[in-house]
Amino acid sequence: MSFTDTPPENPAVPRDAATVILLRDTEQGMEVFLQRRVAAMAFAAGMTVFPGGGVDKRDADASVSWAGPPAADWAAWFGGTEPVARALVCAAVRETFEESGVLLAGTEDAVVADAARYAEARQALESRELSLAAFLADAGLTLRADLLRPWAHWITPVQEKRRYDARFYVAVLPSGQHADGETTEAESSAWQRPQDALADAEAGRSTLMPPTWHTLSELTRFSSTDEVLAVDRKIKTILPTIIRDGDHIRVIMGDE
């Protein structure tokens, strides 16, 4: 990120984006899946982040087979229109699959237990040769929106050249599936307890953007994925402000 406290005359319009906080339970406690983005990325280069990315125009395809809360519910939880809400959920599922190999899809009665069989489709999705709707239709799969929960809504500060209107979702790793780092956008991937990820950042072993740091701090209050899924979240839009404090740059949290 380019840290400047001077707002531009014409701020960039934020692009709709979806971020998925992928969780699992272990004997050591609840863990979250994190990836360190490659240094060549145009946005958040070298940062440790959750899987996610911008909405593709094809994510709005209404032909996607869907199970779980309808788009109207997601629009009510996050605000906005039903078409945008639907595209965001599709982007969340697509990006999670592309970046971690975890597929939040199946039938209305069961979730995919081995997503590795769709490795070729995953590559085609990442290269944009294939749309989510076409992939699911060809594989006879249904998007499982019921595996997601709304968590947060962040908008990139106005000072940034690349801005995102990002909705954050929580999902638990489906039984039988495995998360990996086989994506061109990440140089490394790992499961960590939230408190350990924060300790790495505090020690300078990783770098976190404010939304990631804030989310990890929230997750330290939970001991299991069941506790996280049971939370009744009231989503408020957060638009941080960047200010200069002497020789330092501070990020001030605030609701839009």
C-alpha atoms as a PDB file:
ATOM      1  CA  MET A   1       0.000   0.000   0.000  1.00  0.00           C
ATOM      2  CA  SER A   2       1.179   3.560  -0.704  1.00  0.00           C
ATOM      3  CA  PHE A   3       0.877   5.331   2.629  1.00  0.00           C
ATOM      4  CA  THR A   4       0.005   8.975   2.109  1.00  0.00           C
ATOM      5  CA  ASP A   5      -2.400  11.073   4.103  1.00  0.00           C
ATOM      6  CA  THR A   6      -3.280  13.398   1.228  1.00  0.00           C
ATOM      7  CA  PRO A   7      -6.708  12.587  -0.258  1.00  0.00           C
ATOM      8  CA  PRO A   8      -6.770  12.864  -4.066  1.00  0.00           C
ATOM      9  CA  GLU A   9      -9.164  15.249  -5.785  1.00  0.00           C
ATOM     10  CA  ASN A  10     -10.795  12.327  -7.604  1.00  0.00           C
ATOM     11  CA  PRO A  11     -10.552   9.149  -5.510  1.00  0.00           C
ATOM     12  CA  ALA A  12     -10.592   5.844  -7.377  1.00  0.00           C
ATOM     13  CA  VAL A  13     -13.955   4.094  -7.421  1.00  0.00           C
ATOM     14  CA  PRO A  14     -13.758   0.981  -5.201  1.00  0.00           C
ATOM     15  CA  ARG A  15     -14.143  -2.340  -6.992  1.00  0.00           C
ATOM     16  CA  ASP A  16     -16.465  -4.926  -5.461  1.00  0.00           C
ATOM     17  CA  ALA A  17     -14.463  -7.734  -3.877  1.00  0.00           C
ATOM     18  CA  ALA A  18     -14.940 -10.783  -1.675  1.00  0.00           C
ATOM     19  CA  THR A  19     -12.653 -12.094   1.071  1.00  0.00           C
ATOM     20  CA  VAL A  20     -13.081 -15.464   2.765  1.00  0.00           C
ATOM     21  CA  ILE A  21     -11.839 -16.188   6.283  1.00  0.00           C
ATOM     22  CA  LEU A  22     -11.305 -19.941   6.091  1.00  0.00           C
ATOM     23  CA  LEU A  23     -11.235 -21.710   9.479  1.00  0.00           C
ATOM     24  CA  ARG A  24     -10.637 -25.175  10.890  1.00  0.00           C
ATOM     25  CA  ASP A  25     -10.523 -26.812  14.331  1.00  0.00           C
ATOM     26  CA  THR A  26      -7.351 -28.569  15.532  1.00  0.00           C
ATOM     27  CA  GLU A  27      -6.125 -30.045  18.821  1.00  0.00           C
ATOM     28  CA  GLN A  28      -4.043 -26.891  19.264  1.00  0.00           C
ATOM     29  CA  GLY A  29      -7.073 -24.657  18.757  1.00  0.00           C
ATOM     30  CA  MET A  30      -8.883 -22.936  15.922  1.00  0.00           C
ATOM     31  CA  GLU A  31      -6.746 -22.003  12.919  1.00  0.00           C
ATOM     32  CA  VAL A  32      -7.175 -19.638   9.986  1.00  0.00           C
ATOM     33  CA  PHE A  33      -5.787 -20.048   6.459  1.00  0.00           C
ATOM     34  CA  LEU A  34      -3.422 -17.243   5.418  1.00  0.00           C
ATOM     35  CA  GLN A  35      -1.390 -16.517   2.301  1.00  0.00           C
ATOM     36  CA  ARG A  36       1.566 -14.202   1.674  1.00  0.00           C
ATOM     37  CA  ARG A  37       1.029 -12.439  -1.618  1.00  0.00           C
ATOM     38  CA  VAL A  38       3.856 -12.362  -4.147  1.00  0.00           C
ATOM     39  CA  ALA A  39       5.917  -9.191  -4.327  1.00  0.00           C
ATOM     40  CA  ALA A  40       4.885  -8.528  -7.925  1.00  0.00           C
ATOM     41  CA  MET A  41       1.198  -8.027  -7.090  1.00  0.00           C
ATOM     42  CA  ALA A  42      -0.201  -4.582  -7.891  1.00  0.00           C
ATOM     43  CA  PHE A  43      -2.171  -4.491  -4.629  1.00  0.00           C
ATOM     44  CA  ALA A  44      -1.036  -5.629  -1.164  1.00  0.00           C
ATOM     45  CA  ALA A  45       2.259  -6.990  -2.481  1.00  0.00           C
ATOM     46  CA  GLY A  46       4.043  -9.110   0.120  1.00  0.00           C
ATOM     47  CA  MET A  47       1.158  -8.816   2.566  1.00  0.00           C
ATOM     48  CA  THR A  48      -0.276 -11.755   4.501  1.00  0.00           C
ATOM     49  CA  VAL A  49      -3.963 -11.991   3.660  1.00  0.00           C
ATOM     50  CA  PHE A  50      -7.038 -14.207   3.541  1.00  0.00           C
ATOM     51  CA  PRO A  51      -8.055 -15.692   0.163  1.00  0.00           C
ATOM     52  CA  GLY A  52     -10.129 -13.339  -1.952  1.00  0.00           C
ATOM     53  CA  GLY A  53     -10.243 -10.953  -4.864  1.00  0.00           C
ATOM     54  CA  GLY A  54     -12.300  -8.744  -7.120  1.00  0.00           C
ATOM     55  CA  VAL A  55     -15.654  -9.656  -8.592  1.00  0.00           C
ATOM     56  CA  ASP A  56     -15.526 -10.873 -12.199  1.00  0.00           C
ATOM     57  CA  LYS A  57     -18.416  -9.683 -14.371  1.00  0.00           C
ATOM     58  CA  ARG A  58     -19.289 -13.331 -15.012  1.00  0.00           C
ATOM     59  CA  ASP A  59     -19.832 -13.865 -11.274  1.00  0.00           C
ATOM     60  CA  ALA A  60     -23.174 -12.136 -11.803  1.00  0.00           C
ATOM     61  CA  ASP A  61     -24.438 -15.031 -13.962  1.00  0.00           C
ATOM     62  CA  ALA A  62     -27.871 -15.849 -12.523  1.00  0.00           C
ATOM     63  CA  SER A  63     -27.734 -19.389 -13.922  1.00  0.00           C
ATOM     64  CA  VAL A  64     -25.444 -20.565 -11.101  1.00  0.00           C
ATOM     65  CA  SER A  65     -27.091 -23.444  -9.221  1.00  0.00           C
ATOM     66  CA  TRP A  66     -27.530 -22.148  -5.673  1.00  0.00           C
ATOM     67  CA  ALA A  67     -28.332 -23.605  -2.255  1.00  0.00           C
ATOM     68  CA  GLY A  68     -28.549 -21.662   0.989  1.00  0.00           C
ATOM     69  CA  PRO A  69     -29.566 -18.109   1.899  1.00  0.00           C
ATOM     70  CA  PRO A  70     -30.859 -16.294  -1.213  1.00  0.00           C
ATOM     71  CA  ALA A  71     -29.261 -13.167  -2.632  1.00  0.00           C
ATOM     72  CA  ALA A  72     -31.932 -11.062  -0.933  1.00  0.00           C
ATOM     73  CA  ASP A  73     -30.617 -12.138   2.472  1.00  0.00           C
ATOM     74  CA  TRP A  74     -27.017 -11.337   1.569  1.00  0.00           C
ATOM     75  CA  ALA A  75     -28.108  -7.945   0.238  1.00  0.00           C
ATOM     76  CA  ALA A  76     -29.849  -7.252   3.545  1.00  0.00           C
ATOM     77  CA  TRP A  77     -26.833  -8.322   5.604  1.00  0.00           C
ATOM     78  CA  PHE A  78     -24.254  -6.329   3.651  1.00  0.00           C
ATOM     79  CA  GLY A  79     -26.427  -3.656   2.054  1.00  0.00           C
ATOM     80  CA  GLY A  80     -26.776  -3.183  -1.687  1.00  0.00           C
ATOM     81  CA  THR A  81     -28.716  -4.828  -4.463  1.00  0.00           C
ATOM     82  CA  GLU A  82     -29.523  -8.504  -4.923  1.00  0.00           C
ATOM     83  CA  PRO A  83     -27.524  -8.852  -8.186  1.00  0.00           C
ATOM     84  CA  VAL A  84     -24.407  -7.430  -6.534  1.00  0.00           C
ATOM     85  CA  ALA A  85     -24.928  -9.594  -3.452  1.00  0.00           C
ATOM     86  CA  ARG A  86     -25.241 -12.683  -5.633  1.00  0.00           C
ATOM     87  CA  ALA A  87     -22.104 -11.811  -7.609  1.00  0.00           C
ATOM     88  CA  LEU A  88     -20.162 -11.291  -4.377  1.00  0.00           C
ATOM     89  CA  VAL A  89     -21.094 -14.714  -3.004  1.00  0.00           C
ATOM     90  CA  CYS A  90     -20.108 -16.282  -6.322  1.00  0.00           C
ATOM     91  CA  ALA A  91     -16.806 -14.391  -6.226  1.00  0.00           C
ATOM     92  CA  ALA A  92     -16.204 -15.605  -2.674  1.00  0.00           C
ATOM     93  CA  VAL A  93     -16.660 -19.236  -3.723  1.00  0.00           C
ATOM     94  CA  ARG A  94     -14.623 -18.824  -6.917  1.00  0.00           C
ATOM     95  CA  GLU A  95     -11.716 -16.986  -5.302  1.00  0.00           C
ATOM     96  CA  THR A  96     -11.535 -19.457  -2.415  1.00  0.00           C
ATOM     97  CA  PHE A  97     -11.293 -22.329  -4.872  1.00  0.00           C
ATOM     98  CA  GLU A  98      -8.751 -20.578  -7.092  1.00  0.00           C
ATOM     99  CA  GLU A  99      -6.449 -19.502  -4.273  1.00  0.00           C
ATOM    100  CA  SER A 100      -6.749 -22.352  -1.767  1.00  0.00           C
ATOM    101  CA  GLY A 101      -8.283 -25.294  -3.618  1.00  0.00           C
ATOM    102  CA  VAL A 102     -11.217 -25.354  -1.196  1.00  0.00           C
ATOM    103  CA  LEU A 103     -14.527 -25.707  -3.015  1.00  0.00           C
ATOM    104  CA  LEU A 104     -17.685 -24.519  -1.254  1.00  0.00           C
ATOM    105  CA  ALA A 105     -20.001 -26.489  -3.504  1.00  0.00           C
ATOM    106  CA  GLY A 106     -21.656 -29.876  -3.830  1.00  0.00           C
ATOM    107  CA  THR A 107     -25.276 -30.962  -3.990  1.00  0.00           C
ATOM    108  CA  GLU A 108     -28.138 -29.746  -1.838  1.00  0.00           C
ATOM    109  CA  ASP A 109     -27.475 -32.686   0.501  1.00  0.00           C
ATOM    110  CA  ALA A 110     -23.685 -33.046   0.489  1.00  0.00           C
ATOM    111  CA  VAL A 111     -20.510 -30.985   0.116  1.00  0.00           C
ATOM    112  CA  VAL A 112     -17.610 -31.923  -2.167  1.00  0.00           C
ATOM    113  CA  ALA A 113     -15.230 -34.073  -0.111  1.00  0.00           C
ATOM    114  CA  ASP A 114     -12.316 -34.116  -2.579  1.00  0.00           C
ATOM    115  CA  ALA A 115     -11.866 -30.939  -4.587  1.00  0.00           C
ATOM    116  CA  ALA A 116      -8.546 -32.111  -6.082  1.00  0.00           C
ATOM    117  CA  ARG A 117     -10.457 -33.887  -8.864  1.00  0.00           C
ATOM    118  CA  TYR A 118     -11.319 -30.440 -10.255  1.00  0.00           C
ATOM    119  CA  ALA A 119      -7.689 -29.272 -10.522  1.00  0.00           C
ATOM    120  CA  GLU A 120      -7.902 -28.544 -14.252  1.00  0.00           C
ATOM    121  CA  ALA A 121     -11.055 -26.500 -13.804  1.00  0.00           C
ATOM    122  CA  ARG A 122      -9.355 -24.593 -10.990  1.00  0.00           C
ATOM    123  CA  GLN A 123      -6.533 -23.563 -13.313  1.00  0.00           C
ATOM    124  CA  ALA A 124      -9.018 -22.566 -16.007  1.00  0.00           C
ATOM    125  CA  LEU A 125     -10.937 -20.453 -13.508  1.00  0.00           C
ATOM    126  CA  GLU A 126      -7.785 -18.661 -12.389  1.00  0.00           C
ATOM    127  CA  SER A 127      -6.776 -17.912 -15.987  1.00  0.00           C
ATOM    128  CA  ARG A 128     -10.334 -16.731 -16.709  1.00  0.00           C
ATOM    129  CA  GLU A 129     -10.751 -19.354 -19.436  1.00  0.00           C
ATOM    130  CA  LEU A 130     -13.731 -20.702 -17.499  1.00  0.00           C
ATOM    131  CA  SER A 131     -16.519 -19.018 -15.542  1.00  0.00           C
ATOM    132  CA  LEU A 132     -17.842 -20.238 -12.213  1.00  0.00           C
ATOM    133  CA  ALA A 133     -21.285 -20.842 -13.715  1.00  0.00           C
ATOM    134  CA  ALA A 134     -19.876 -22.979 -16.534  1.00  0.00           C
ATOM    135  CA  PHE A 135     -17.650 -24.956 -14.155  1.00  0.00           C
ATOM    136  CA  LEU A 136     -20.469 -25.765 -11.738  1.00  0.00           C
ATOM    137  CA  ALA A 137     -22.845 -26.674 -14.554  1.00  0.00           C
ATOM    138  CA  ASP A 138     -20.316 -28.956 -16.276  1.00  0.00           C
ATOM    139  CA  ALA A 139     -19.484 -30.670 -12.974  1.00  0.00           C
ATOM    140  CA  GLY A 140     -23.115 -30.975 -11.893  1.00  0.00           C
ATOM    141  CA  LEU A 141     -22.418 -28.985  -8.745  1.00  0.00           C
ATOM    142  CA  THR A 142     -24.392 -26.483  -6.693  1.00  0.00           C
ATOM    143  CA  LEU A 143     -22.915 -23.430  -4.996  1.00  0.00           C
ATOM    144  CA  ARG A 144     -23.376 -23.823  -1.240  1.00  0.00           C
ATOM    145  CA  ALA A 145     -24.053 -20.333   0.100  1.00  0.00           C
ATOM    146  CA  ASP A 146     -25.073 -21.923   3.400  1.00  0.00           C
ATOM    147  CA  LEU A 147     -21.386 -22.645   4.096  1.00  0.00           C
ATOM    148  CA  LEU A 148     -20.667 -18.906   4.294  1.00  0.00           C
ATOM    149  CA  ARG A 149     -21.459 -16.375   6.999  1.00  0.00           C
ATOM    150  CA  PRO A 150     -21.283 -12.568   6.702  1.00  0.00           C
ATOM    151  CA  TRP A 151     -18.458 -11.130   8.791  1.00  0.00           C
ATOM    152  CA  ALA A 152     -17.362  -7.598   7.820  1.00  0.00           C
ATOM    153  CA  HIS A 153     -17.406  -4.863   5.183  1.00  0.00           C
ATOM    154  CA  TRP A 154     -14.253  -2.853   4.504  1.00  0.00           C
ATOM    155  CA  ILE A 155     -13.550  -0.143   1.930  1.00  0.00           C
ATOM    156  CA  THR A 156      -9.982   0.794   0.989  1.00  0.00           C
ATOM    157  CA  PRO A 157      -8.996   4.324   2.128  1.00  0.00           C
ATOM    158  CA  VAL A 158      -9.543   7.105  -0.416  1.00  0.00           C
ATOM    159  CA  GLN A 159      -5.798   7.770  -0.664  1.00  0.00           C
ATOM    160  CA  GLU A 160      -5.142   4.433  -2.374  1.00  0.00           C
ATOM    161  CA  LYS A 161      -4.881   4.212  -6.167  1.00  0.00           C
ATOM    162  CA  ARG A 162      -6.409   0.727  -6.121  1.00  0.00           C
ATOM    163  CA  ARG A 163      -9.495   0.541  -3.961  1.00  0.00           C
ATOM    164  CA  TYR A 164     -11.813  -2.314  -3.040  1.00  0.00           C
ATOM    165  CA  ASP A 165     -15.276  -2.477  -1.570  1.00  0.00           C
ATOM    166  CA  ALA A 166     -14.661  -5.798   0.173  1.00  0.00           C
ATOM    167  CA  ARG A 167     -17.190  -8.001   1.904  1.00  0.00           C
ATOM    168  CA  PHE A 168     -15.669 -10.502   4.313  1.00  0.00           C
ATOM    169  CA  TYR A 169     -17.173 -13.971   4.759  1.00  0.00           C
ATOM    170  CA  VAL A 170     -16.411 -16.779   7.196  1.00  0.00           C
ATOM    171  CA  ALA A 171     -16.340 -20.432   6.122  1.00  0.00           C
ATOM    172  CA  VAL A 172     -15.216 -23.664   7.778  1.00  0.00           C
ATOM    173  CA  LEU A 173     -12.992 -26.081   5.852  1.00  0.00           C
ATOM    174  CA  PRO A 174     -15.317 -28.820   4.539  1.00  0.00           C
ATOM    175  CA  SER A 175     -14.649 -32.342   5.788  1.00  0.00           C
ATOM    176  CA  GLY A 176     -12.231 -34.200   3.507  1.00  0.00           C
ATOM    177  CA  GLN A 177     -10.944 -31.106   1.733  1.00  0.00           C
ATOM    178  CA  HIS A 178      -7.465 -29.586   2.035  1.00  0.00           C
ATOM    179  CA  ALA A 179      -6.275 -26.007   1.572  1.00  0.00           C
ATOM    180  CA  ASP A 180      -3.064 -25.426  -0.362  1.00  0.00           C
ATOM    181  CA  GLY A 181      -1.010 -22.595  -1.794  1.00  0.00           C
ATOM    182  CA  GLU A 182      -1.092 -23.621  -5.433  1.00  0.00           C
ATOM    183  CA  THR A 183      -1.850 -20.185  -6.820  1.00  0.00           C
ATOM    184  CA  THR A 184       0.270 -17.717  -8.744  1.00  0.00           C
ATOM    185  CA  GLU A 185      -0.798 -14.942  -6.389  1.00  0.00           C
ATOM    186  CA  ALA A 186       0.806 -16.338  -3.221  1.00  0.00           C
ATOM    187  CA  GLU A 187       4.432 -17.147  -2.430  1.00  0.00           C
ATOM    188  CA  SER A 188       3.464 -19.150   0.671  1.00  0.00           C
ATOM    189  CA  SER A 189       0.369 -20.381   2.493  1.00  0.00           C
ATOM    190  CA  ALA A 190      -0.232 -21.817   5.956  1.00  0.00           C
ATOM    191  CA  TRP A 191      -2.739 -22.506   8.700  1.00  0.00           C
ATOM    192  CA  GLN A 192      -2.141 -20.549  11.891  1.00  0.00           C
ATOM    193  CA  ARG A 193      -3.897 -19.803  15.111  1.00  0.00           C
ATOM    194  CA  PRO A 194      -5.009 -16.158  15.003  1.00  0.00           C
ATOM    195  CA  GLN A 195      -2.860 -15.273  17.996  1.00  0.00           C
ATOM    196  CA  ASP A 196       0.214 -16.802  16.336  1.00  0.00           C
ATOM    197  CA  ALA A 197      -0.403 -14.877  13.122  1.00  0.00           C
ATOM    198  CA  LEU A 198      -0.620 -11.661  15.140  1.00  0.00           C
ATOM    199  CA  ALA A 199       2.584 -12.533  16.991  1.00  0.00           C
ATOM    200  CA  ASP A 200       4.381 -13.003  13.663  1.00  0.00           C
ATOM    201  CA  ALA A 201       3.224  -9.564  12.544  1.00  0.00           C
ATOM    202  CA  GLU A 202       4.239  -7.928  15.822  1.00  0.00           C
ATOM    203  CA  ALA A 203       7.688  -9.525  15.525  1.00  0.00           C
ATOM    204  CA  GLY A 204       8.091  -8.265  11.962  1.00  0.00           C
ATOM    205  CA  ARG A 205       7.966 -11.726  10.378  1.00  0.00           C
ATOM    206  CA  SER A 206       4.901 -10.776   8.332  1.00  0.00           C
ATOM    207  CA  THR A 207       2.953  -7.694   7.333  1.00  0.00           C
ATOM    208  CA  LEU A 208      -0.802  -7.340   7.795  1.00  0.00           C
ATOM    209  CA  MET A 209      -3.207  -4.777   6.408  1.00  0.00           C
ATOM    210  CA  PRO A 210      -5.587  -3.204   8.967  1.00  0.00           C
ATOM    211  CA  PRO A 211      -8.604  -5.379   8.009  1.00  0.00           C
ATOM    212  CA  THR A 212      -6.562  -8.558   8.399  1.00  0.00           C
ATOM    213  CA  TRP A 213      -5.081  -7.456  11.724  1.00  0.00           C
ATOM    214  CA  HIS A 214      -8.477  -6.405  13.042  1.00  0.00           C
ATOM    215  CA  THR A 215     -10.134  -9.648  11.938  1.00  0.00           C
ATOM    216  CA  LEU A 216      -7.431 -11.831  13.465  1.00  0.00           C
ATOM    217  CA  SER A 217      -7.786  -9.895  16.722  1.00  0.00           C
ATOM    218  CA  GLU A 218     -11.525 -10.596  16.693  1.00  0.00           C
ATOM    219  CA  LEU A 219     -10.949 -14.301  16.061  1.00  0.00           C
ATOM    220  CA  THR A 220      -8.712 -14.666  19.133  1.00  0.00           C
ATOM    221  CA  ARG A 221     -11.878 -14.420  21.225  1.00  0.00           C
ATOM    222  CA  PHE A 222     -13.200 -17.728  19.866  1.00  0.00           C
ATOM    223  CA  SER A 223     -12.042 -21.233  20.708  1.00  0.00           C
ATOM    224  CA  SER A 224     -13.859 -23.148  17.956  1.00  0.00           C
ATOM    225  CA  THR A 225     -15.410 -22.759  14.537  1.00  0.00           C
ATOM    226  CA  ASP A 226     -18.849 -23.499  16.002  1.00  0.00           C
ATOM    227  CA  GLU A 227     -18.518 -20.415  18.186  1.00  0.00           C
ATOM    228  CA  VAL A 228     -17.636 -18.276  15.173  1.00  0.00           C
ATOM    229  CA  LEU A 229     -20.525 -19.575  13.072  1.00  0.00           C
ATOM    230  CA  ALA A 230     -22.963 -18.953  15.908  1.00  0.00           C
ATOM    231  CA  VAL A 231     -22.162 -15.227  16.126  1.00  0.00           C
ATOM    232  CA  ASP A 232     -24.962 -12.909  15.024  1.00  0.00           C
ATOM    233  CA  ARG A 233     -22.948 -10.244  13.242  1.00  0.00           C
ATOM    234  CA  LYS A 234     -24.313  -6.766  12.587  1.00  0.00           C
ATOM    235  CA  ILE A 235     -22.331  -5.590   9.585  1.00  0.00           C
ATOM    236  CA  LYS A 236     -21.101  -1.990   9.600  1.00  0.00           C
ATOM    237  CA  THR A 237     -19.119  -0.492   6.743  1.00  0.00           C
ATOM    238  CA  ILE A 238     -15.583   0.444   7.805  1.00  0.00           C
ATOM    239  CA  LEU A 239     -13.729   3.079   5.801  1.00  0.00           C
ATOM    240  CA  PRO A 240     -10.339   3.701   7.470  1.00  0.00           C
ATOM    241  CA  THR A 241      -8.697   7.111   7.341  1.00  0.00           C
ATOM    242  CA  ILE A 242      -4.950   7.563   6.848  1.00  0.00           C
ATOM    243  CA  ILE A 243      -3.374  10.467   8.738  1.00  0.00           C
ATOM    244  CA  ARG A 244       0.178  11.641   9.336  1.00  0.00           C
ATOM    245  CA  ASP A 245       1.388  11.774  12.937  1.00  0.00           C
ATOM    246  CA  GLY A 246       4.835  13.338  12.840  1.00  0.00           C
ATOM    247  CA  ASP A 247       7.112  10.933  11.006  1.00  0.00           C
ATOM    248  CA  HIS A 248       4.569   8.137  11.244  1.00  0.00           C
ATOM    249  CA  ILE A 249       1.455   7.190   9.336  1.00  0.00           C
ATOM    250  CA  ARG A 250      -1.577   6.144  11.354  1.00  0.00           C
ATOM    251  CA  VAL A 251      -4.667   4.313  10.161  1.00  0.00           C
ATOM    252  CA  ILE A 252      -7.788   5.444  11.968  1.00  0.00           C
ATOM    253  CA  MET A 253     -10.690   3.024  12.013  1.00  0.00           C
ATOM    254  CA  GLY A 254     -14.108   4.480  11.458  1.00  0.00           C
ATOM    255  CA  ASP A 255     -17.558   3.623  10.208  1.00  0.00           C
ATOM    256  CA  GLU A 256     -18.634   5.078   6.887  1.00  0.00           C
END
